[in-house]
Amino acid sequence: MPQIVPIRDLKDTAAISALCHESEEPVFITKNGYGDLVIMSMETYKKSLFLNDLYSKLAASEEDLKNGKVSDVGMAVADIKEKYGL
């Protein structure tokens, strides 16, 4: 469940840091009852970047499959061996 914290609670930086690390997900900061900021631990941020990159590559791969831009693994290995003289 997402953590939602009012902006005034940012004064207690140690508690906010602990909350970010414990929840392992973004913490939403509200200002006057409306969403204003999102903060997260470095680990959560790195995981998010990794997953976004992975999903992007999977989508590109699925598009290649749909458009027939694939090759047989044996042909790919033969091409690499020929290219590098192996």
PDB file of N, CA and C in Angstrom:
ATOM      1  N   MET A   1       0.839  -1.171   0.000  1.00  0.00           N
ATOM      2  CA  MET A   1       0.000   0.000   0.000  1.00  0.00           C
ATOM      3  C   MET A   1       0.887   1.239   0.000  1.00  0.00           C
ATOM      4  N   PRO A   2       0.590   2.226  -0.829  1.00  0.00           N
ATOM      5  CA  PRO A   2       1.456   3.406  -0.901  1.00  0.00           C
ATOM      6  C   PRO A   2       1.459   4.199   0.402  1.00  0.00           C
ATOM      7  N   GLN A   3       2.620   4.725   0.713  1.00  0.00           N
ATOM      8  CA  GLN A   3       2.776   5.580   1.879  1.00  0.00           C
ATOM      9  C   GLN A   3       2.512   7.018   1.453  1.00  0.00           C
ATOM     10  N   ILE A   4       1.646   7.724   2.168  1.00  0.00           N
ATOM     11  CA  ILE A   4       1.332   9.115   1.874  1.00  0.00           C
ATOM     12  C   ILE A   4       1.622   9.926   3.129  1.00  0.00           C
ATOM     13  N   VAL A   5       2.455  10.973   2.970  1.00  0.00           N
ATOM     14  CA  VAL A   5       2.917  11.754   4.101  1.00  0.00           C
ATOM     15  C   VAL A   5       2.719  13.243   3.794  1.00  0.00           C
ATOM     16  N   PRO A   6       2.236  14.031   4.754  1.00  0.00           N
ATOM     17  CA  PRO A   6       2.137  15.474   4.515  1.00  0.00           C
ATOM     18  C   PRO A   6       3.522  16.117   4.500  1.00  0.00           C
ATOM     19  N   ILE A   7       3.649  17.194   3.761  1.00  0.00           N
ATOM     20  CA  ILE A   7       4.949  17.842   3.565  1.00  0.00           C
ATOM     21  C   ILE A   7       5.559  18.312   4.883  1.00  0.00           C
ATOM     22  N   ARG A   8       4.748  18.660   5.855  1.00  0.00           N
ATOM     23  CA  ARG A   8       5.285  19.131   7.139  1.00  0.00           C
ATOM     24  C   ARG A   8       6.106  18.048   7.841  1.00  0.00           C
ATOM     25  N   ASP A   9       5.835  16.766   7.518  1.00  0.00           N
ATOM     26  CA  ASP A   9       6.579  15.663   8.137  1.00  0.00           C
ATOM     27  C   ASP A   9       7.995  15.534   7.591  1.00  0.00           C
ATOM     28  N   LEU A  10       8.321  16.274   6.540  1.00  0.00           N
ATOM     29  CA  LEU A  10       9.682  16.206   5.995  1.00  0.00           C
ATOM     30  C   LEU A  10      10.711  16.810   6.939  1.00  0.00           C
ATOM     31  N   LYS A  11      10.249  17.517   7.962  1.00  0.00           N
ATOM     32  CA  LYS A  11      11.174  18.085   8.956  1.00  0.00           C
ATOM     33  C   LYS A  11      11.947  16.982   9.674  1.00  0.00           C
ATOM     34  N   ASP A  12      11.316  15.831   9.859  1.00  0.00           N
ATOM     35  CA  ASP A  12      11.960  14.701  10.524  1.00  0.00           C
ATOM     36  C   ASP A  12      12.604  13.817   9.454  1.00  0.00           C
ATOM     37  N   THR A  13      13.760  14.261   8.985  1.00  0.00           N
ATOM     38  CA  THR A  13      14.404  13.584   7.858  1.00  0.00           C
ATOM     39  C   THR A  13      14.786  12.132   8.165  1.00  0.00           C
ATOM     40  N   ALA A  14      15.185  11.867   9.397  1.00  0.00           N
ATOM     41  CA  ALA A  14      15.564  10.491   9.746  1.00  0.00           C
ATOM     42  C   ALA A  14      14.360   9.556   9.641  1.00  0.00           C
ATOM     43  N   ALA A  15      13.207  10.013  10.089  1.00  0.00           N
ATOM     44  CA  ALA A  15      12.006   9.184  10.020  1.00  0.00           C
ATOM     45  C   ALA A  15      11.581   8.963   8.567  1.00  0.00           C
ATOM     46  N   ILE A  16      11.675   9.990   7.739  1.00  0.00           N
ATOM     47  CA  ILE A  16      11.315   9.856   6.324  1.00  0.00           C
ATOM     48  C   ILE A  16      12.274   8.896   5.630  1.00  0.00           C
ATOM     49  N   SER A  17      13.555   9.019   5.932  1.00  0.00           N
ATOM     50  CA  SER A  17      14.542   8.103   5.351  1.00  0.00           C
ATOM     51  C   SER A  17      14.242   6.664   5.750  1.00  0.00           C
ATOM     52  N   ALA A  18      13.949   6.449   7.014  1.00  0.00           N
ATOM     53  CA  ALA A  18      13.631   5.102   7.491  1.00  0.00           C
ATOM     54  C   ALA A  18      12.371   4.579   6.800  1.00  0.00           C
ATOM     55  N   LEU A  19      11.371   5.433   6.641  1.00  0.00           N
ATOM     56  CA  LEU A  19      10.131   5.028   5.975  1.00  0.00           C
ATOM     57  C   LEU A  19      10.403   4.604   4.533  1.00  0.00           C
ATOM     58  N   CYS A  20      11.225   5.367   3.831  1.00  0.00           N
ATOM     59  CA  CYS A  20      11.563   5.034   2.440  1.00  0.00           C
ATOM     60  C   CYS A  20      12.278   3.691   2.355  1.00  0.00           C
ATOM     61  N   HIS A  21      13.198   3.441   3.271  1.00  0.00           N
ATOM     62  CA  HIS A  21      13.949   2.185   3.244  1.00  0.00           C
ATOM     63  C   HIS A  21      13.092   1.001   3.684  1.00  0.00           C
ATOM     64  N   GLU A  22      12.223   1.213   4.643  1.00  0.00           N
ATOM     65  CA  GLU A  22      11.373   0.122   5.131  1.00  0.00           C
ATOM     66  C   GLU A  22      10.306  -0.266   4.109  1.00  0.00           C
ATOM     67  N   SER A  23       9.713   0.726   3.470  1.00  0.00           N
ATOM     68  CA  SER A  23       8.603   0.439   2.559  1.00  0.00           C
ATOM     69  C   SER A  23       9.081  -0.118   1.225  1.00  0.00           C
ATOM     70  N   GLU A  24      10.323   0.169   0.848  1.00  0.00           N
ATOM     71  CA  GLU A  24      10.896  -0.282  -0.426  1.00  0.00           C
ATOM     72  C   GLU A  24      10.025   0.106  -1.613  1.00  0.00           C
ATOM     73  N   GLU A  25       9.342   1.228  -1.500  1.00  0.00           N
ATOM     74  CA  GLU A  25       8.534   1.771  -2.592  1.00  0.00           C
ATOM     75  C   GLU A  25       8.501   3.291  -2.437  1.00  0.00           C
ATOM     76  N   PRO A  26       8.063   3.997  -3.452  1.00  0.00           N
ATOM     77  CA  PRO A  26       8.013   5.454  -3.357  1.00  0.00           C
ATOM     78  C   PRO A  26       7.081   5.914  -2.237  1.00  0.00           C
ATOM     79  N   VAL A  27       7.423   7.049  -1.636  1.00  0.00           N
ATOM     80  CA  VAL A  27       6.600   7.679  -0.614  1.00  0.00           C
ATOM     81  C   VAL A  27       6.049   8.960  -1.227  1.00  0.00           C
ATOM     82  N   PHE A  28       4.740   9.116  -1.188  1.00  0.00           N
ATOM     83  CA  PHE A  28       4.084  10.269  -1.789  1.00  0.00           C
ATOM     84  C   PHE A  28       3.929  11.372  -0.749  1.00  0.00           C
ATOM     85  N   ILE A  29       4.344  12.581  -1.114  1.00  0.00           N
ATOM     86  CA  ILE A  29       4.281  13.737  -0.228  1.00  0.00           C
ATOM     87  C   ILE A  29       3.148  14.645  -0.707  1.00  0.00           C
ATOM     88  N   THR A  30       2.279  15.008   0.231  1.00  0.00           N
ATOM     89  CA  THR A  30       1.169  15.887  -0.119  1.00  0.00           C
ATOM     90  C   THR A  30       1.397  17.289   0.432  1.00  0.00           C
ATOM     91  N   LYS A  31       0.823  18.259  -0.266  1.00  0.00           N
ATOM     92  CA  LYS A  31       0.874  19.656   0.163  1.00  0.00           C
ATOM     93  C   LYS A  31      -0.542  20.201   0.034  1.00  0.00           C
ATOM     94  N   ASN A  32      -1.097  20.661   1.139  1.00  0.00           N
ATOM     95  CA  ASN A  32      -2.475  21.145   1.173  1.00  0.00           C
ATOM     96  C   ASN A  32      -3.457  20.086   0.658  1.00  0.00           C
ATOM     97  N   GLY A  33      -3.174  18.826   0.963  1.00  0.00           N
ATOM     98  CA  GLY A  33      -4.078  17.748   0.595  1.00  0.00           C
ATOM     99  C   GLY A  33      -3.927  17.219  -0.823  1.00  0.00           C
ATOM    100  N   TYR A  34      -2.993  17.767  -1.592  1.00  0.00           N
ATOM    101  CA  TYR A  34      -2.793  17.340  -2.982  1.00  0.00           C
ATOM    102  C   TYR A  34      -1.398  16.756  -3.155  1.00  0.00           C
ATOM    103  N   GLY A  35      -1.256  15.832  -4.074  1.00  0.00           N
ATOM    104  CA  GLY A  35       0.048  15.251  -4.363  1.00  0.00           C
ATOM    105  C   GLY A  35       1.030  16.315  -4.817  1.00  0.00           C
ATOM    106  N   ASP A  36       2.241  16.282  -4.273  1.00  0.00           N
ATOM    107  CA  ASP A  36       3.244  17.294  -4.604  1.00  0.00           C
ATOM    108  C   ASP A  36       4.585  16.683  -4.989  1.00  0.00           C
ATOM    109  N   LEU A  37       5.050  15.711  -4.226  1.00  0.00           N
ATOM    110  CA  LEU A  37       6.366  15.118  -4.446  1.00  0.00           C
ATOM    111  C   LEU A  37       6.306  13.605  -4.280  1.00  0.00           C
ATOM    112  N   VAL A  38       7.323  12.950  -4.809  1.00  0.00           N
ATOM    113  CA  VAL A  38       7.510  11.515  -4.585  1.00  0.00           C
ATOM    114  C   VAL A  38       8.977  11.329  -4.228  1.00  0.00           C
ATOM    115  N   ILE A  39       9.239  10.629  -3.123  1.00  0.00           N
ATOM    116  CA  ILE A  39      10.621  10.337  -2.736  1.00  0.00           C
ATOM    117  C   ILE A  39      10.769   8.838  -2.526  1.00  0.00           C
ATOM    118  N   MET A  40      12.000   8.358  -2.676  1.00  0.00           N
ATOM    119  CA  MET A  40      12.266   6.933  -2.495  1.00  0.00           C
ATOM    120  C   MET A  40      13.738   6.734  -2.160  1.00  0.00           C
ATOM    121  N   SER A  41      14.055   5.558  -1.662  1.00  0.00           N
ATOM    122  CA  SER A  41      15.446   5.228  -1.362  1.00  0.00           C
ATOM    123  C   SER A  41      16.218   5.042  -2.661  1.00  0.00           C
ATOM    124  N   MET A  42      17.521   5.118  -2.576  1.00  0.00           N
ATOM    125  CA  MET A  42      18.368   4.903  -3.754  1.00  0.00           C
ATOM    126  C   MET A  42      18.185   3.492  -4.310  1.00  0.00           C
ATOM    127  N   GLU A  43      18.037   2.516  -3.414  1.00  0.00           N
ATOM    128  CA  GLU A  43      17.851   1.139  -3.857  1.00  0.00           C
ATOM    129  C   GLU A  43      16.564   0.994  -4.663  1.00  0.00           C
ATOM    130  N   THR A  44      15.497   1.616  -4.183  1.00  0.00           N
ATOM    131  CA  THR A  44      14.222   1.558  -4.888  1.00  0.00           C
ATOM    132  C   THR A  44      14.324   2.266  -6.226  1.00  0.00           C
ATOM    133  N   TYR A  45      15.025   3.389  -6.252  1.00  0.00           N
ATOM    134  CA  TYR A  45      15.207   4.137  -7.496  1.00  0.00           C
ATOM    135  C   TYR A  45      15.978   3.310  -8.520  1.00  0.00           C
ATOM    136  N   LYS A  46      17.075   2.695  -8.095  1.00  0.00           N
ATOM    137  CA  LYS A  46      17.873   1.869  -9.006  1.00  0.00           C
ATOM    138  C   LYS A  46      17.066   0.682  -9.523  1.00  0.00           C
ATOM    139  N   LYS A  47      16.281   0.071  -8.645  1.00  0.00           N
ATOM    140  CA  LYS A  47      15.426  -1.049  -9.055  1.00  0.00           C
ATOM    141  C   LYS A  47      14.399  -0.577 -10.086  1.00  0.00           C
ATOM    142  N   SER A  48      13.836   0.593  -9.862  1.00  0.00           N
ATOM    143  CA  SER A  48      12.850   1.154 -10.783  1.00  0.00           C
ATOM    144  C   SER A  48      13.475   1.424 -12.149  1.00  0.00           C
ATOM    145  N   LEU A  49      14.676   2.002 -12.161  1.00  0.00           N
ATOM    146  CA  LEU A  49      15.370   2.246 -13.424  1.00  0.00           C
ATOM    147  C   LEU A  49      15.662   0.945 -14.157  1.00  0.00           C
ATOM    148  N   PHE A  50      16.123  -0.056 -13.420  1.00  0.00           N
ATOM    149  CA  PHE A  50      16.427  -1.356 -14.013  1.00  0.00           C
ATOM    150  C   PHE A  50      15.182  -1.967 -14.649  1.00  0.00           C
ATOM    151  N   LEU A  51      14.071  -1.958 -13.898  1.00  0.00           N
ATOM    152  CA  LEU A  51      12.837  -2.553 -14.418  1.00  0.00           C
ATOM    153  C   LEU A  51      12.307  -1.791 -15.629  1.00  0.00           C
ATOM    154  N   ASN A  52      12.394  -0.456 -15.602  1.00  0.00           N
ATOM    155  CA  ASN A  52      11.956   0.330 -16.761  1.00  0.00           C
ATOM    156  C   ASN A  52      12.784  -0.013 -17.993  1.00  0.00           C
ATOM    157  N   ASP A  53      14.101  -0.153 -17.811  1.00  0.00           N
ATOM    158  CA  ASP A  53      14.978  -0.521 -18.924  1.00  0.00           C
ATOM    159  C   ASP A  53      14.641  -1.922 -19.435  1.00  0.00           C
ATOM    160  N   LEU A  54      14.423  -2.853 -18.524  1.00  0.00           N
ATOM    161  CA  LEU A  54      14.083  -4.224 -18.887  1.00  0.00           C
ATOM    162  C   LEU A  54      12.771  -4.272 -19.680  1.00  0.00           C
ATOM    163  N   TYR A  55      11.742  -3.584 -19.178  1.00  0.00           N
ATOM    164  CA  TYR A  55      10.448  -3.576 -19.866  1.00  0.00           C
ATOM    165  C   TYR A  55      10.556  -2.940 -21.248  1.00  0.00           C
ATOM    166  N   SER A  56      11.372  -1.906 -21.360  1.00  0.00           N
ATOM    167  CA  SER A  56      11.570  -1.253 -22.651  1.00  0.00           C
ATOM    168  C   SER A  56      12.229  -2.221 -23.646  1.00  0.00           C
ATOM    169  N   LYS A  57      13.227  -2.942 -23.191  1.00  0.00           N
ATOM    170  CA  LYS A  57      13.905  -3.908 -24.060  1.00  0.00           C
ATOM    171  C   LYS A  57      12.986  -5.068 -24.430  1.00  0.00           C
ATOM    172  N   LEU A  58      12.167  -5.511 -23.483  1.00  0.00           N
ATOM    173  CA  LEU A  58      11.215  -6.580 -23.787  1.00  0.00           C
ATOM    174  C   LEU A  58      10.191  -6.122 -24.821  1.00  0.00           C
ATOM    175  N   ALA A  59       9.718  -4.885 -24.704  1.00  0.00           N
ATOM    176  CA  ALA A  59       8.762  -4.355 -25.671  1.00  0.00           C
ATOM    177  C   ALA A  59       9.383  -4.271 -27.060  1.00  0.00           C
ATOM    178  N   ALA A  60      10.642  -3.822 -27.125  1.00  0.00           N
ATOM    179  CA  ALA A  60      11.342  -3.751 -28.413  1.00  0.00           C
ATOM    180  C   ALA A  60      11.527  -5.149 -28.997  1.00  0.00           C
ATOM    181  N   SER A  61      11.838  -6.119 -28.151  1.00  0.00           N
ATOM    182  CA  SER A  61      12.008  -7.500 -28.616  1.00  0.00           C
ATOM    183  C   SER A  61      10.706  -8.072 -29.144  1.00  0.00           C
ATOM    184  N   GLU A  62       9.615  -7.803 -28.434  1.00  0.00           N
ATOM    185  CA  GLU A  62       8.315  -8.279 -28.896  1.00  0.00           C
ATOM    186  C   GLU A  62       7.940  -7.646 -30.236  1.00  0.00           C
ATOM    187  N   GLU A  63       8.281  -6.386 -30.416  1.00  0.00           N
ATOM    188  CA  GLU A  63       8.023  -5.693 -31.684  1.00  0.00           C
ATOM    189  C   GLU A  63       8.851  -6.326 -32.803  1.00  0.00           C
ATOM    190  N   ASP A  64      10.116  -6.649 -32.515  1.00  0.00           N
ATOM    191  CA  ASP A  64      10.957  -7.325 -33.506  1.00  0.00           C
ATOM    192  C   ASP A  64      10.369  -8.680 -33.886  1.00  0.00           C
ATOM    193  N   LEU A  65       9.898  -9.429 -32.895  1.00  0.00           N
ATOM    194  CA  LEU A  65       9.275 -10.722 -33.183  1.00  0.00           C
ATOM    195  C   LEU A  65       8.047 -10.554 -34.067  1.00  0.00           C
ATOM    196  N   LYS A  66       7.229  -9.570 -33.744  1.00  0.00           N
ATOM    197  CA  LYS A  66       6.005  -9.338 -34.511  1.00  0.00           C
ATOM    198  C   LYS A  66       6.329  -8.952 -35.952  1.00  0.00           C
ATOM    199  N   ASN A  67       7.428  -8.216 -36.169  1.00  0.00           N
ATOM    200  CA  ASN A  67       7.808  -7.757 -37.505  1.00  0.00           C
ATOM    201  C   ASN A  67       8.735  -8.730 -38.226  1.00  0.00           C
ATOM    202  N   GLY A  68       9.005  -9.889 -37.609  1.00  0.00           N
ATOM    203  CA  GLY A  68       9.833 -10.904 -38.251  1.00  0.00           C
ATOM    204  C   GLY A  68      11.313 -10.572 -38.261  1.00  0.00           C
ATOM    205  N   LYS A  69      11.754  -9.664 -37.402  1.00  0.00           N
ATOM    206  CA  LYS A  69      13.176  -9.293 -37.341  1.00  0.00           C
ATOM    207  C   LYS A  69      13.910 -10.202 -36.356  1.00  0.00           C
ATOM    208  N   VAL A  70      13.931 -11.482 -36.665  1.00  0.00           N
ATOM    209  CA  VAL A  70      14.600 -12.452 -35.815  1.00  0.00           C
ATOM    210  C   VAL A  70      15.473 -13.354 -36.681  1.00  0.00           C
ATOM    211  N   SER A  71      16.414 -14.020 -36.041  1.00  0.00           N
ATOM    212  CA  SER A  71      17.240 -14.972 -36.776  1.00  0.00           C
ATOM    213  C   SER A  71      17.425 -16.218 -35.924  1.00  0.00           C
ATOM    214  N   ASP A  72      17.708 -17.292 -36.578  1.00  0.00           N
ATOM    215  CA  ASP A  72      17.960 -18.561 -35.923  1.00  0.00           C
ATOM    216  C   ASP A  72      19.262 -18.443 -35.138  1.00  0.00           C
ATOM    217  N   VAL A  73      19.325 -19.045 -33.962  1.00  0.00           N
ATOM    218  CA  VAL A  73      20.523 -18.957 -33.132  1.00  0.00           C
ATOM    219  C   VAL A  73      21.732 -19.550 -33.856  1.00  0.00           C
ATOM    220  N   GLY A  74      21.537 -20.597 -34.603  1.00  0.00           N
ATOM    221  CA  GLY A  74      22.644 -21.196 -35.352  1.00  0.00           C
ATOM    222  C   GLY A  74      23.200 -20.242 -36.391  1.00  0.00           C
ATOM    223  N   MET A  75      22.293 -19.518 -37.067  1.00  0.00           N
ATOM    224  CA  MET A  75      22.735 -18.533 -38.056  1.00  0.00           C
ATOM    225  C   MET A  75      23.463 -17.373 -37.371  1.00  0.00           C
ATOM    226  N   ALA A  76      22.982 -16.969 -36.218  1.00  0.00           N
ATOM    227  CA  ALA A  76      23.606 -15.869 -35.496  1.00  0.00           C
ATOM    228  C   ALA A  76      25.024 -16.244 -35.061  1.00  0.00           C
ATOM    229  N   VAL A  77      25.187 -17.457 -34.552  1.00  0.00           N
ATOM    230  CA  VAL A  77      26.514 -17.925 -34.133  1.00  0.00           C
ATOM    231  C   VAL A  77      27.443 -18.017 -35.345  1.00  0.00           C
ATOM    232  N   ALA A  78      26.939 -18.520 -36.460  1.00  0.00           N
ATOM    233  CA  ALA A  78      27.750 -18.619 -37.681  1.00  0.00           C
ATOM    234  C   ALA A  78      28.171 -17.228 -38.157  1.00  0.00           C
ATOM    235  N   ASP A  79      27.270 -16.266 -38.095  1.00  0.00           N
ATOM    236  CA  ASP A  79      27.603 -14.893 -38.490  1.00  0.00           C
ATOM    237  C   ASP A  79      28.691 -14.310 -37.595  1.00  0.00           C
ATOM    238  N   ILE A  80      28.600 -14.555 -36.295  1.00  0.00           N
ATOM    239  CA  ILE A  80      29.610 -14.046 -35.356  1.00  0.00           C
ATOM    240  C   ILE A  80      30.957 -14.699 -35.626  1.00  0.00           C
ATOM    241  N   LYS A  81      30.957 -16.017 -35.855  1.00  0.00           N
ATOM    242  CA  LYS A  81      32.208 -16.734 -36.133  1.00  0.00           C
ATOM    243  C   LYS A  81      32.835 -16.205 -37.425  1.00  0.00           C
ATOM    244  N   GLU A  82      32.033 -15.968 -38.429  1.00  0.00           N
ATOM    245  CA  GLU A  82      32.554 -15.453 -39.679  1.00  0.00           C
ATOM    246  C   GLU A  82      33.097 -14.034 -39.521  1.00  0.00           C
ATOM    247  N   LYS A  83      32.370 -13.219 -38.799  1.00  0.00           N
ATOM    248  CA  LYS A  83      32.773 -11.824 -38.608  1.00  0.00           C
ATOM    249  C   LYS A  83      34.102 -11.710 -37.875  1.00  0.00           C
ATOM    250  N   TYR A  84      34.309 -12.565 -36.855  1.00  0.00           N
ATOM    251  CA  TYR A  84      35.515 -12.476 -36.049  1.00  0.00           C
ATOM    252  C   TYR A  84      36.543 -13.564 -36.359  1.00  0.00           C
ATOM    253  N   GLY A  85      36.324 -14.317 -37.421  1.00  0.00           N
ATOM    254  CA  GLY A  85      37.299 -15.319 -37.850  1.00  0.00           C
ATOM    255  C   GLY A  85      37.499 -16.440 -36.838  1.00  0.00           C
ATOM    256  N   LEU A  86      36.445 -16.888 -36.244  1.00  0.00           N
ATOM    257  CA  LEU A  86      36.561 -17.964 -35.231  1.00  0.00           C
ATOM    258  C   LEU A  86      36.327 -19.314 -35.845  1.00  0.00           C
TER     259      LEU A  86
END
